[in-house]
Amino acid sequence: MTWLNGLVLLLYVAMMVGIAIYTRNKAKTVNDFLLAGSKGLNGWMSAFSYGTTYFSAVIFIGYAGKFGWDFGLSALWIGVGNALIGGLFAWLLLAKRTKNMTRRLKARTMPEFFEKRYGSPFLKVFSAFVVFIFLMPYSASVYNGLGNLFEIMFGIDGTIIMIGLALVTAIYLVFGGYFATSLSDFVQGLIMIFGTVIMFVCFMRAPEVNGFEGLKTLTESGFGLFETYGDGGFLSSPLVTIISLVLLTSFGVYGLPQTVHKYYSVRDKKAVKQGMIVSTFFAFLVGVIAYFVGGLGRLFFTEVPAGGTDNIIPIMLNNVIPNGLSGLIAVLILSASMSTLASVSLASASVVSVDLYKGAINKNAEDKKVTLVMRIMCSIFVILSVVIALLNKKFNITAIAFLMSLSWGTLSGCFFGPFVLGLYSKKLTKAGAIASIVGGLVFTLIMTIVFGVITAPSGASFGIILQSGVKLSPLTGVLCMAFSIVITLVVSKFTKKLDDEIIYNAFDKELEDEIR
């Protein structure tokens, strides 16, 4: 840690604290805290908030390191899929409809959307528990990724980094809520764009890569853009894994409360168009470069380094990035991670305070009290996530990439059908939505065990079987999303239709002007 790198990091932390202080009086009500007020955000801020929530240390450290090593430059297709499916198509299909329907229903969280869209208090309470529980491993994986990065690049104990990061995130989130998060996301997004371009240039100039010579070497050794290498059965084959990863990380954001939430607060039709264009560009630049760097791993290593694939990217960065720029690259990944952590924490805290506390425990709670509970829950969620990350670090429970896959796959597998189809179809029923959310949890557990039995060594213990099953969590997540669509439609076909009043409240345009 040179004085220059330390100065860059200190300036970054000071900037985040400054944003917290600047926005401390802009989150007085629940709507302010969750939606940045009644006016909403412009397209640029919404897009940067969406993009920085989408990408974090998990992508840069976990996914790029793991799958770049496994598949070489073919991992770039994951980034391309994220830009087109998770960026462009997601905004086209979801942004305007989500904004309009949540405005009509006066829904501020995904569980609250389920309650009012399907007329089911049970859906709100149950989905709130699912959100809070399964966002925790994702949050923990982000902390683990940053801990690995700072330990290798700067020799700082990862535990100190996790605790320090949690403290800074909690400060600006608790002070300013969604407005503070969005403002910091915009700044962090600019840092990410600038940093990824520098990272790309540095790696292309590195002696191990030597420009296009390194890409040619990777292609000739079976790790090029259109080739995959690997062994094992069909389920573990490179083709199946890459397709699963593209589908999971691209379609998965359609059912994640922290990414869908960005559409709630987009200002108008012009902002939707801006957000779609900017978020697609952002996802393409950041995602493709992240996986490109990961795909270069075999030019730097002949075998996986000590500590596993989670250490590949940090070691490469440590060897390639000049001392004067390593602090900037660390801030790049720190920016991606802090924005994700803030969004995940806000999504989790909101379901407890709005959906459980206000919705089930104290229905007459004043707005000021609900906002206080939300601030407290943000802090509690941050603390619990750090505890899980520290336990994972101590016991090496599983790789970072699989923690994220398990979280994304479970949440999207539960919510994809009821949310995405619920924006378009009036024929869905309460029973269909319940079948998806409850059935998605059961389906994930069953498939994890089944895949574990298939891929684990003969005679393995249940713990090994479960660990082997978790390693196929990308495929499980994709199958669970497909299951959600099918079960929602099938059960809705044969169960009682919703009352006309519920349908009217969700779909009648006279209740609320369309965003213009």
Protein backbone atom coordinates (compact mmCIF):
# COMPACT_ATOMS: atom_id res chain seq x y z
CA MET A 1 0.00 0.00 0.00
CA THR A 2 1.89 3.05 -1.27
CA TRP A 3 1.03 6.56 -0.12
CA LEU A 4 -0.57 7.29 -3.51
CA ASN A 5 -2.84 4.25 -3.39
CA GLY A 6 -3.74 5.06 0.19
CA LEU A 7 -4.59 8.63 -0.79
CA VAL A 8 -6.87 7.44 -3.61
CA LEU A 9 -8.74 5.12 -1.25
CA LEU A 10 -9.05 7.78 1.44
CA LEU A 11 -10.41 10.29 -1.07
CA TYR A 12 -12.96 7.73 -2.22
CA VAL A 13 -14.11 7.00 1.33
CA ALA A 14 -14.27 10.73 2.08
CA MET A 15 -16.42 11.24 -1.01
CA MET A 16 -18.89 8.54 0.08
CA VAL A 17 -19.12 10.02 3.58
CA GLY A 18 -19.61 13.45 2.00
CA ILE A 19 -22.56 12.12 -0.02
CA ALA A 20 -24.04 10.75 3.20
CA ILE A 21 -23.76 14.15 4.86
CA TYR A 22 -25.15 15.96 1.80
CA THR A 23 -28.22 13.70 1.59
CA ARG A 24 -28.89 13.33 5.33
CA ASN A 25 -32.04 15.49 5.19
CA LYS A 26 -33.44 14.04 1.96
CA ALA A 27 -34.86 10.80 3.40
CA LYS A 28 -37.44 11.91 5.94
CA THR A 29 -40.30 9.64 4.80
CA VAL A 30 -40.57 6.04 3.65
CA ASN A 31 -41.10 7.19 0.04
CA ASP A 32 -38.04 9.41 0.28
CA PHE A 33 -35.96 6.60 1.74
CA LEU A 34 -37.10 3.97 -0.79
CA LEU A 35 -37.91 5.92 -3.96
CA ALA A 36 -35.95 9.19 -3.69
CA GLY A 37 -39.18 11.19 -3.38
CA SER A 38 -42.18 11.60 -5.64
CA LYS A 39 -40.46 13.08 -8.72
CA GLY A 40 -38.20 10.12 -9.39
CA LEU A 41 -34.76 10.00 -10.97
CA ASN A 42 -33.60 10.89 -14.46
CA GLY A 43 -32.45 8.26 -16.93
CA TRP A 44 -28.72 8.65 -16.33
CA MET A 45 -28.97 8.22 -12.57
CA SER A 46 -31.41 5.34 -12.92
CA ALA A 47 -29.17 3.59 -15.45
CA PHE A 48 -26.01 4.00 -13.40
CA SER A 49 -27.84 2.83 -10.30
CA TYR A 50 -29.04 -0.24 -12.22
CA GLY A 51 -25.63 -0.99 -13.71
CA THR A 52 -23.62 -0.56 -10.54
CA THR A 53 -26.07 -2.78 -8.68
CA TYR A 54 -25.79 -5.39 -11.45
CA PHE A 55 -21.97 -5.64 -11.30
CA SER A 56 -19.91 -6.03 -8.14
CA ALA A 57 -16.78 -7.69 -6.79
CA VAL A 58 -18.56 -11.00 -7.37
CA ILE A 59 -18.39 -10.43 -11.13
CA PHE A 60 -14.84 -9.09 -11.17
CA ILE A 61 -13.33 -11.49 -8.63
CA GLY A 62 -15.60 -14.53 -8.41
CA TYR A 63 -17.25 -15.01 -11.79
CA ALA A 64 -14.51 -13.60 -14.04
CA GLY A 65 -11.82 -15.51 -12.17
CA LYS A 66 -13.65 -18.83 -11.99
CA PHE A 67 -15.23 -19.00 -15.42
CA GLY A 68 -12.49 -17.11 -17.22
CA TRP A 69 -10.12 -19.84 -16.02
CA ASP A 70 -12.52 -22.61 -17.01
CA PHE A 71 -13.48 -21.30 -20.46
CA GLY A 72 -10.94 -18.67 -21.47
CA LEU A 73 -12.19 -15.96 -23.81
CA SER A 74 -15.50 -17.80 -24.27
CA ALA A 75 -16.50 -16.32 -20.90
CA LEU A 76 -16.96 -13.00 -22.75
CA TRP A 77 -20.31 -14.28 -23.98
CA ILE A 78 -21.60 -13.97 -20.42
CA GLY A 79 -20.85 -10.23 -20.54
CA VAL A 80 -22.48 -9.88 -23.97
CA GLY A 81 -25.59 -11.67 -22.70
CA ASN A 82 -25.70 -9.40 -19.65
CA ALA A 83 -25.67 -6.30 -21.88
CA LEU A 84 -28.32 -7.45 -24.35
CA ILE A 85 -30.65 -9.54 -22.18
CA GLY A 86 -29.97 -8.09 -18.75
CA GLY A 87 -29.64 -4.52 -20.00
CA LEU A 88 -31.42 -3.70 -23.27
CA PHE A 89 -34.27 -6.26 -23.21
CA ALA A 90 -34.82 -5.91 -19.47
CA TRP A 91 -35.49 -2.18 -19.80
CA LEU A 92 -37.64 -2.71 -22.89
CA LEU A 93 -39.82 -5.34 -21.23
CA LEU A 94 -39.96 -4.23 -17.63
CA ALA A 95 -39.13 -0.57 -17.01
CA LYS A 96 -42.27 1.25 -18.15
CA ARG A 97 -44.73 -1.45 -17.06
CA THR A 98 -43.09 -1.80 -13.66
CA LYS A 99 -43.17 1.95 -13.07
CA ASN A 100 -46.82 2.26 -14.12
CA MET A 101 -48.15 -0.75 -12.24
CA THR A 102 -46.28 -0.06 -9.01
CA ARG A 103 -47.53 3.52 -9.15
CA ARG A 104 -51.14 2.39 -9.58
CA LEU A 105 -50.83 -0.17 -6.80
CA LYS A 106 -48.81 2.17 -4.58
CA ALA A 107 -46.30 -0.65 -4.12
CA ARG A 108 -42.83 0.28 -2.86
CA THR A 109 -41.29 -3.19 -2.56
CA MET A 110 -41.59 -6.46 -4.47
CA PRO A 111 -43.46 -8.25 -1.64
CA GLU A 112 -45.88 -5.31 -1.46
CA PHE A 113 -46.34 -5.62 -5.24
CA PHE A 114 -47.23 -9.31 -4.84
CA GLU A 115 -49.75 -8.55 -2.09
CA LYS A 116 -51.62 -5.91 -4.09
CA ARG A 117 -51.24 -7.52 -7.51
CA TYR A 118 -52.62 -10.87 -6.29
CA GLY A 119 -54.64 -9.83 -3.26
CA SER A 120 -52.63 -11.99 -0.88
CA PRO A 121 -51.13 -10.81 2.44
CA PHE A 122 -49.49 -14.25 2.71
CA LEU A 123 -47.51 -13.59 -0.46
CA LYS A 124 -46.16 -10.37 1.00
CA VAL A 125 -45.01 -11.92 4.26
CA PHE A 126 -43.59 -15.10 2.76
CA SER A 127 -41.76 -13.39 -0.09
CA ALA A 128 -40.33 -10.85 2.38
CA PHE A 129 -38.73 -13.69 4.34
CA VAL A 130 -37.35 -15.19 1.13
CA VAL A 131 -35.82 -11.87 0.06
CA PHE A 132 -34.17 -11.18 3.40
CA ILE A 133 -32.71 -14.67 3.79
CA PHE A 134 -31.43 -15.25 0.24
CA LEU A 135 -29.95 -11.81 -0.34
CA MET A 136 -27.60 -12.41 2.56
CA PRO A 137 -25.31 -14.95 0.84
CA TYR A 138 -25.08 -12.62 -2.16
CA SER A 139 -24.10 -9.73 0.07
CA ALA A 140 -21.59 -11.95 1.88
CA SER A 141 -20.04 -13.00 -1.44
CA VAL A 142 -19.39 -9.33 -2.26
CA TYR A 143 -17.57 -8.82 1.04
CA ASN A 144 -15.52 -11.98 0.42
CA GLY A 145 -14.49 -10.78 -3.02
CA LEU A 146 -13.26 -7.44 -1.71
CA GLY A 147 -11.46 -9.12 1.17
CA ASN A 148 -9.53 -11.31 -1.29
CA LEU A 149 -8.68 -8.33 -3.47
CA PHE A 150 -7.23 -6.15 -0.73
CA GLU A 151 -5.34 -8.99 0.94
CA ILE A 152 -3.50 -9.85 -2.27
CA MET A 153 -3.03 -6.38 -3.77
CA PHE A 154 -2.21 -4.42 -0.63
CA GLY A 155 -1.50 -6.97 2.08
CA ILE A 156 -4.36 -5.68 4.23
CA ASP A 157 -6.27 -8.22 6.33
CA GLY A 158 -9.54 -8.98 4.54
CA THR A 159 -11.41 -8.88 7.85
CA ILE A 160 -10.47 -5.22 8.34
CA ILE A 161 -11.61 -4.38 4.80
CA MET A 162 -14.97 -6.14 5.25
CA ILE A 163 -15.70 -4.33 8.50
CA GLY A 164 -14.53 -0.95 7.17
CA LEU A 165 -16.55 -1.32 3.98
CA ALA A 166 -19.65 -2.32 5.94
CA LEU A 167 -19.27 0.77 8.13
CA VAL A 168 -18.97 3.19 5.19
CA THR A 169 -21.87 1.55 3.31
CA ALA A 170 -24.08 1.70 6.39
CA ILE A 171 -23.27 5.38 6.95
CA TYR A 172 -24.34 6.71 3.56
CA LEU A 173 -27.24 4.25 3.23
CA VAL A 174 -28.71 4.90 6.68
CA PHE A 175 -28.28 8.66 6.32
CA GLY A 176 -29.64 9.22 2.84
CA GLY A 177 -31.53 6.10 1.71
CA TYR A 178 -32.15 5.58 -1.99
CA PHE A 179 -31.23 9.11 -3.03
CA ALA A 180 -27.82 8.78 -1.38
CA THR A 181 -27.42 5.36 -2.98
CA SER A 182 -28.34 6.68 -6.43
CA LEU A 183 -26.07 9.70 -6.17
CA SER A 184 -23.16 7.55 -5.06
CA ASP A 185 -24.01 5.04 -7.81
CA PHE A 186 -23.66 7.77 -10.42
CA VAL A 187 -20.22 8.73 -9.14
CA GLN A 188 -19.21 5.10 -8.76
CA GLY A 189 -20.46 4.31 -12.26
CA LEU A 190 -18.18 6.96 -13.75
CA ILE A 191 -15.28 5.47 -11.78
CA MET A 192 -16.14 1.99 -13.07
CA ILE A 193 -16.20 3.11 -16.72
CA PHE A 194 -12.89 4.94 -16.42
CA GLY A 195 -11.29 2.13 -14.42
CA THR A 196 -12.34 -0.71 -16.71
CA VAL A 197 -10.90 1.05 -19.75
CA ILE A 198 -7.59 1.54 -17.94
CA MET A 199 -7.64 -2.09 -16.82
CA PHE A 200 -8.20 -3.27 -20.41
CA VAL A 201 -5.29 -1.18 -21.72
CA CYS A 202 -2.94 -2.36 -18.96
CA PHE A 203 -3.69 -6.02 -19.58
CA MET A 204 -3.34 -5.74 -23.35
CA ARG A 205 0.11 -4.18 -22.82
CA ALA A 206 1.21 -6.75 -20.22
CA PRO A 207 4.17 -8.98 -21.35
CA GLU A 208 2.12 -12.12 -20.63
CA VAL A 209 -0.55 -10.96 -23.10
CA ASN A 210 1.47 -8.86 -25.57
CA GLY A 211 -1.56 -7.58 -27.39
CA PHE A 212 -3.17 -9.92 -29.91
CA GLU A 213 -0.36 -12.45 -29.55
CA GLY A 214 -1.80 -13.58 -26.24
CA LEU A 215 -5.30 -13.87 -27.70
CA LYS A 216 -3.88 -15.98 -30.51
CA THR A 217 -2.14 -18.23 -27.97
CA LEU A 218 -5.38 -18.74 -26.04
CA THR A 219 -7.29 -19.58 -29.22
CA GLU A 220 -4.69 -22.10 -30.35
CA SER A 221 -4.75 -23.81 -26.95
CA GLY A 222 -8.53 -24.26 -26.98
CA PHE A 223 -9.50 -21.25 -24.88
CA GLY A 224 -10.53 -18.82 -27.61
CA LEU A 225 -13.72 -16.88 -28.08
CA PHE A 226 -15.57 -19.66 -29.92
CA GLU A 227 -14.00 -22.69 -28.27
CA THR A 228 -14.45 -24.30 -24.89
CA TYR A 229 -12.35 -26.82 -23.07
CA GLY A 230 -13.31 -29.13 -20.24
CA ASP A 231 -14.12 -32.62 -19.18
CA GLY A 232 -16.76 -34.28 -17.06
CA GLY A 233 -20.33 -35.25 -17.82
CA PHE A 234 -22.92 -33.37 -19.82
CA LEU A 235 -24.18 -31.33 -16.85
CA SER A 236 -20.67 -30.05 -16.17
CA SER A 237 -19.75 -29.50 -19.83
CA PRO A 238 -18.54 -26.02 -20.87
CA LEU A 239 -21.42 -25.52 -23.30
CA VAL A 240 -24.10 -26.23 -20.68
CA THR A 241 -22.29 -24.16 -18.07
CA ILE A 242 -21.81 -21.08 -20.28
CA ILE A 243 -25.41 -21.16 -21.49
CA SER A 244 -26.58 -21.54 -17.88
CA LEU A 245 -24.44 -18.61 -16.78
CA VAL A 246 -25.66 -16.37 -19.60
CA LEU A 247 -29.29 -17.18 -18.81
CA LEU A 248 -28.89 -16.94 -15.03
CA THR A 249 -26.96 -13.67 -14.90
CA SER A 250 -29.00 -12.06 -17.70
CA PHE A 251 -32.58 -13.16 -17.04
CA GLY A 252 -31.94 -13.42 -13.32
CA VAL A 253 -32.10 -9.64 -12.87
CA TYR A 254 -35.73 -9.72 -14.05
CA GLY A 255 -36.77 -11.23 -10.72
CA LEU A 256 -34.30 -9.68 -8.27
CA PRO A 257 -35.83 -7.08 -5.93
CA GLN A 258 -32.69 -4.90 -5.85
CA THR A 259 -32.56 -4.50 -9.66
CA VAL A 260 -36.30 -4.31 -10.31
CA HIS A 261 -36.49 -1.59 -7.67
CA LYS A 262 -34.62 0.76 -10.02
CA TYR A 263 -37.66 0.92 -12.31
CA TYR A 264 -39.94 2.07 -9.49
CA SER A 265 -38.27 5.46 -9.28
CA VAL A 266 -37.49 6.24 -12.93
CA ARG A 267 -38.94 9.66 -13.69
CA ASP A 268 -40.70 9.52 -17.07
CA LYS A 269 -40.76 8.02 -20.56
CA LYS A 270 -37.70 9.99 -21.62
CA ALA A 271 -35.83 8.70 -18.57
CA VAL A 272 -36.78 5.12 -19.47
CA LYS A 273 -35.30 5.52 -22.96
CA GLN A 274 -32.14 7.11 -21.57
CA GLY A 275 -31.85 4.43 -18.93
CA MET A 276 -32.17 1.65 -21.50
CA ILE A 277 -29.40 3.04 -23.73
CA VAL A 278 -27.00 3.99 -20.94
CA SER A 279 -27.44 0.77 -18.95
CA THR A 280 -26.86 -1.35 -22.08
CA PHE A 281 -23.63 0.50 -22.88
CA PHE A 282 -22.53 0.33 -19.25
CA ALA A 283 -23.22 -3.42 -18.98
CA PHE A 284 -21.45 -4.15 -22.25
CA LEU A 285 -18.33 -2.20 -21.34
CA VAL A 286 -17.98 -3.37 -17.74
CA GLY A 287 -19.20 -6.94 -18.23
CA VAL A 288 -17.18 -7.76 -21.34
CA ILE A 289 -13.95 -6.27 -19.96
CA ALA A 290 -14.37 -8.07 -16.64
CA TYR A 291 -14.76 -11.47 -18.33
CA PHE A 292 -12.05 -10.62 -20.85
CA VAL A 293 -9.57 -10.07 -18.04
CA GLY A 294 -10.67 -13.33 -16.42
CA GLY A 295 -10.25 -15.13 -19.73
CA LEU A 296 -6.56 -14.15 -19.80
CA GLY A 297 -5.88 -16.14 -16.65
CA ARG A 298 -4.17 -19.07 -18.38
CA LEU A 299 -1.58 -16.71 -19.84
CA PHE A 300 -0.49 -15.89 -16.30
CA PHE A 301 -0.85 -19.27 -14.55
CA THR A 302 -0.19 -22.88 -15.48
CA GLU A 303 -2.40 -24.07 -12.64
CA VAL A 304 -4.93 -22.61 -10.24
CA PRO A 305 -3.06 -20.54 -7.62
CA ALA A 306 -3.25 -21.21 -3.89
CA GLY A 307 -6.59 -20.11 -2.52
CA GLY A 308 -8.51 -21.17 -5.63
CA THR A 309 -9.92 -19.28 -8.59
CA ASP A 310 -11.13 -16.45 -6.33
CA ASN A 311 -7.49 -15.32 -6.13
CA ILE A 312 -6.77 -15.32 -9.88
CA ILE A 313 -7.95 -11.78 -10.66
CA PRO A 314 -6.40 -10.14 -7.56
CA ILE A 315 -3.00 -11.75 -8.31
CA MET A 316 -3.17 -10.70 -11.96
CA LEU A 317 -4.09 -7.15 -11.02
CA ASN A 318 -1.24 -7.06 -8.53
CA ASN A 319 1.22 -8.10 -11.25
CA VAL A 320 -0.11 -5.99 -14.14
CA ILE A 321 -1.43 -2.71 -12.78
CA PRO A 322 1.28 -0.09 -12.05
CA ASN A 323 1.56 1.14 -8.47
CA GLY A 324 0.18 4.54 -9.38
CA LEU A 325 -2.98 3.00 -10.83
CA SER A 326 -3.61 0.02 -8.54
CA GLY A 327 -5.42 2.24 -6.06
CA LEU A 328 -7.74 3.39 -8.86
CA ILE A 329 -8.48 -0.19 -9.92
CA ALA A 330 -9.17 -1.11 -6.30
CA VAL A 331 -11.59 1.82 -6.13
CA LEU A 332 -13.19 0.56 -9.37
CA ILE A 333 -14.05 -2.79 -7.77
CA LEU A 334 -14.85 -1.10 -4.47
CA SER A 335 -17.32 1.18 -6.29
CA ALA A 336 -19.02 -1.73 -7.98
CA SER A 337 -19.32 -3.53 -4.67
CA MET A 338 -20.49 -0.68 -2.45
CA SER A 339 -23.32 0.20 -4.81
CA THR A 340 -24.42 -3.44 -4.91
CA LEU A 341 -24.20 -3.77 -1.13
CA ALA A 342 -26.25 -0.61 -0.61
CA SER A 343 -28.97 -1.76 -3.02
CA VAL A 344 -29.12 -5.26 -1.56
CA SER A 345 -29.21 -3.90 2.00
CA LEU A 346 -31.96 -1.43 1.09
CA ALA A 347 -34.03 -4.14 -0.60
CA SER A 348 -33.71 -6.45 2.40
CA ALA A 349 -34.34 -3.76 5.01
CA SER A 350 -37.42 -2.51 3.16
CA VAL A 351 -39.14 -5.89 3.13
CA VAL A 352 -38.72 -6.21 6.89
CA SER A 353 -39.80 -2.66 7.76
CA VAL A 354 -42.51 -2.08 5.14
CA ASP A 355 -43.80 -5.59 4.48
CA LEU A 356 -43.34 -7.31 7.85
CA TYR A 357 -43.32 -4.54 10.47
CA LYS A 358 -45.80 -2.12 8.88
CA GLY A 359 -47.68 -4.79 6.91
CA ALA A 360 -48.13 -7.47 9.57
CA ILE A 361 -46.86 -6.46 13.02
CA ASN A 362 -47.85 -2.81 13.47
CA LYS A 363 -50.21 -1.75 10.71
CA ASN A 364 -50.83 1.63 12.33
CA ALA A 365 -47.16 2.53 12.59
CA GLU A 366 -46.38 6.13 11.70
CA ASP A 367 -44.26 6.86 8.65
CA LYS A 368 -41.45 8.25 10.80
CA LYS A 369 -41.31 5.07 12.87
CA VAL A 370 -41.24 2.82 9.78
CA THR A 371 -38.36 4.89 8.39
CA LEU A 372 -36.47 4.45 11.67
CA VAL A 373 -37.04 0.68 11.56
CA MET A 374 -35.74 0.67 8.00
CA ARG A 375 -32.54 2.45 9.00
CA ILE A 376 -32.03 -0.03 11.84
CA MET A 377 -32.66 -3.02 9.57
CA CYS A 378 -30.16 -1.70 7.01
CA SER A 379 -27.53 -1.78 9.74
CA ILE A 380 -28.56 -5.23 10.95
CA PHE A 381 -28.46 -6.66 7.43
CA VAL A 382 -24.98 -5.25 6.86
CA ILE A 383 -23.77 -6.78 10.13
CA LEU A 384 -25.26 -10.21 9.37
CA SER A 385 -23.76 -10.19 5.87
CA VAL A 386 -20.31 -9.44 7.25
CA VAL A 387 -20.66 -12.24 9.81
CA ILE A 388 -21.52 -14.72 7.04
CA ALA A 389 -18.60 -13.45 4.95
CA LEU A 390 -16.20 -13.86 7.89
CA LEU A 391 -17.46 -17.39 8.55
CA ASN A 392 -17.03 -18.21 4.88
CA LYS A 393 -13.49 -16.82 5.00
CA LYS A 394 -12.64 -18.86 8.11
CA PHE A 395 -14.15 -22.17 7.04
CA ASN A 396 -13.94 -21.78 3.23
CA ILE A 397 -17.57 -22.87 2.93
CA THR A 398 -17.86 -22.37 -0.84
CA ALA A 399 -16.53 -20.27 -3.70
CA ILE A 400 -17.71 -16.69 -4.20
CA ALA A 401 -19.26 -17.40 -7.60
CA PHE A 402 -21.49 -20.15 -6.24
CA LEU A 403 -22.74 -18.04 -3.33
CA MET A 404 -23.97 -15.50 -5.86
CA SER A 405 -25.48 -18.14 -8.16
CA LEU A 406 -27.37 -19.72 -5.27
CA SER A 407 -28.80 -16.36 -4.22
CA TRP A 408 -29.72 -15.15 -7.72
CA GLY A 409 -31.09 -18.51 -8.82
CA THR A 410 -33.32 -18.96 -5.79
CA LEU A 411 -34.78 -15.46 -5.79
CA SER A 412 -35.33 -15.26 -9.54
CA GLY A 413 -36.63 -18.82 -9.57
CA CYS A 414 -39.26 -17.90 -7.01
CA PHE A 415 -40.27 -14.48 -8.36
CA PHE A 416 -39.75 -14.57 -12.14
CA GLY A 417 -43.19 -15.89 -13.10
CA PRO A 418 -45.36 -13.91 -10.66
CA PHE A 419 -43.52 -10.66 -11.32
CA VAL A 420 -42.68 -10.65 -15.05
CA LEU A 421 -45.84 -12.41 -16.21
CA GLY A 422 -47.82 -10.43 -13.67
CA LEU A 423 -46.94 -7.20 -15.49
CA TYR A 424 -48.56 -8.45 -18.70
CA SER A 425 -51.27 -11.05 -17.97
CA LYS A 426 -54.61 -10.49 -16.26
CA LYS A 427 -55.22 -14.25 -16.10
CA LEU A 428 -52.72 -15.09 -13.38
CA THR A 429 -54.14 -16.17 -10.03
CA LYS A 430 -53.11 -15.96 -6.41
CA ALA A 431 -52.64 -19.72 -6.33
CA GLY A 432 -50.32 -19.55 -9.35
CA ALA A 433 -48.14 -16.93 -7.67
CA ILE A 434 -48.00 -18.88 -4.40
CA ALA A 435 -47.14 -22.08 -6.28
CA SER A 436 -44.18 -20.34 -7.91
CA ILE A 437 -42.74 -18.75 -4.78
CA VAL A 438 -43.22 -21.71 -2.43
CA GLY A 439 -42.54 -24.28 -5.16
CA GLY A 440 -39.41 -22.43 -6.25
CA LEU A 441 -37.81 -22.94 -2.86
CA VAL A 442 -38.68 -26.64 -2.83
CA PHE A 443 -37.53 -27.06 -6.43
CA THR A 444 -34.16 -25.43 -5.68
CA LEU A 445 -33.56 -27.69 -2.69
CA ILE A 446 -34.53 -30.83 -4.60
CA MET A 447 -32.42 -30.02 -7.65
CA THR A 448 -29.40 -29.13 -5.51
CA ILE A 449 -29.56 -32.55 -3.84
CA VAL A 450 -30.26 -34.37 -7.12
CA PHE A 451 -27.34 -32.70 -8.91
CA GLY A 452 -25.17 -33.37 -5.87
CA VAL A 453 -25.98 -37.08 -5.96
CA ILE A 454 -25.26 -37.23 -9.70
CA THR A 455 -21.93 -35.40 -9.58
CA ALA A 456 -20.52 -36.29 -6.12
CA PRO A 457 -18.15 -39.26 -5.72
CA SER A 458 -19.75 -42.58 -4.86
CA GLY A 459 -20.30 -42.98 -1.14
CA ALA A 460 -19.87 -39.25 -0.41
CA SER A 461 -21.33 -37.75 2.76
CA PHE A 462 -24.42 -35.54 2.64
CA GLY A 463 -22.22 -32.46 3.14
CA ILE A 464 -20.13 -33.32 0.06
CA ILE A 465 -23.29 -34.07 -1.92
CA LEU A 466 -24.74 -30.70 -0.96
CA GLN A 467 -21.49 -28.92 -1.85
CA SER A 468 -21.39 -30.66 -5.24
CA GLY A 469 -25.00 -29.65 -5.86
CA VAL A 470 -24.28 -26.01 -5.03
CA LYS A 471 -21.53 -26.03 -7.68
CA LEU A 472 -24.27 -26.53 -10.26
CA SER A 473 -26.32 -23.64 -8.85
CA PRO A 474 -26.20 -21.69 -12.19
CA LEU A 475 -28.02 -24.55 -13.93
CA THR A 476 -30.37 -24.99 -10.98
CA GLY A 477 -31.23 -21.29 -11.12
CA VAL A 478 -32.05 -21.41 -14.83
CA LEU A 479 -34.25 -24.48 -14.40
CA CYS A 480 -35.95 -22.82 -11.46
CA MET A 481 -36.80 -19.73 -13.53
CA ALA A 482 -38.30 -21.97 -16.21
CA PHE A 483 -40.18 -23.85 -13.49
CA SER A 484 -41.55 -20.53 -12.19
CA ILE A 485 -42.99 -19.59 -15.58
CA VAL A 486 -44.56 -22.99 -16.16
CA ILE A 487 -45.99 -23.49 -12.67
CA THR A 488 -47.43 -19.97 -12.57
CA LEU A 489 -49.23 -20.42 -15.89
CA VAL A 490 -50.42 -23.99 -15.26
CA VAL A 491 -51.74 -23.42 -11.75
CA SER A 492 -53.39 -20.16 -12.83
CA LYS A 493 -55.18 -22.05 -15.61
CA PHE A 494 -56.99 -24.31 -13.16
CA THR A 495 -57.56 -22.11 -10.12
CA LYS A 496 -59.93 -19.33 -9.09
CA LYS A 497 -59.50 -16.09 -10.99
CA LEU A 498 -58.74 -12.83 -9.22
CA ASP A 499 -61.55 -10.43 -8.30
CA ASP A 500 -62.32 -7.78 -10.89
CA GLU A 501 -61.34 -5.04 -8.43
CA ILE A 502 -57.80 -6.43 -8.10
CA ILE A 503 -57.42 -6.62 -11.88
CA TYR A 504 -58.81 -3.12 -12.24
CA ASN A 505 -56.41 -1.69 -9.67
CA ALA A 506 -53.43 -3.26 -11.44
CA PHE A 507 -54.25 -2.65 -15.09
CA ASP A 508 -56.73 0.20 -15.53
CA LYS A 509 -54.86 3.18 -16.97
CA GLU A 510 -57.43 5.66 -15.68
CA LEU A 511 -56.18 5.12 -12.13
CA GLU A 512 -52.85 6.74 -12.91
CA ASP A 513 -51.51 8.55 -15.94
CA GLU A 514 -48.99 6.58 -17.92
CA ILE A 515 -45.47 7.92 -17.50
CA ARG A 516 -44.88 10.38 -20.31
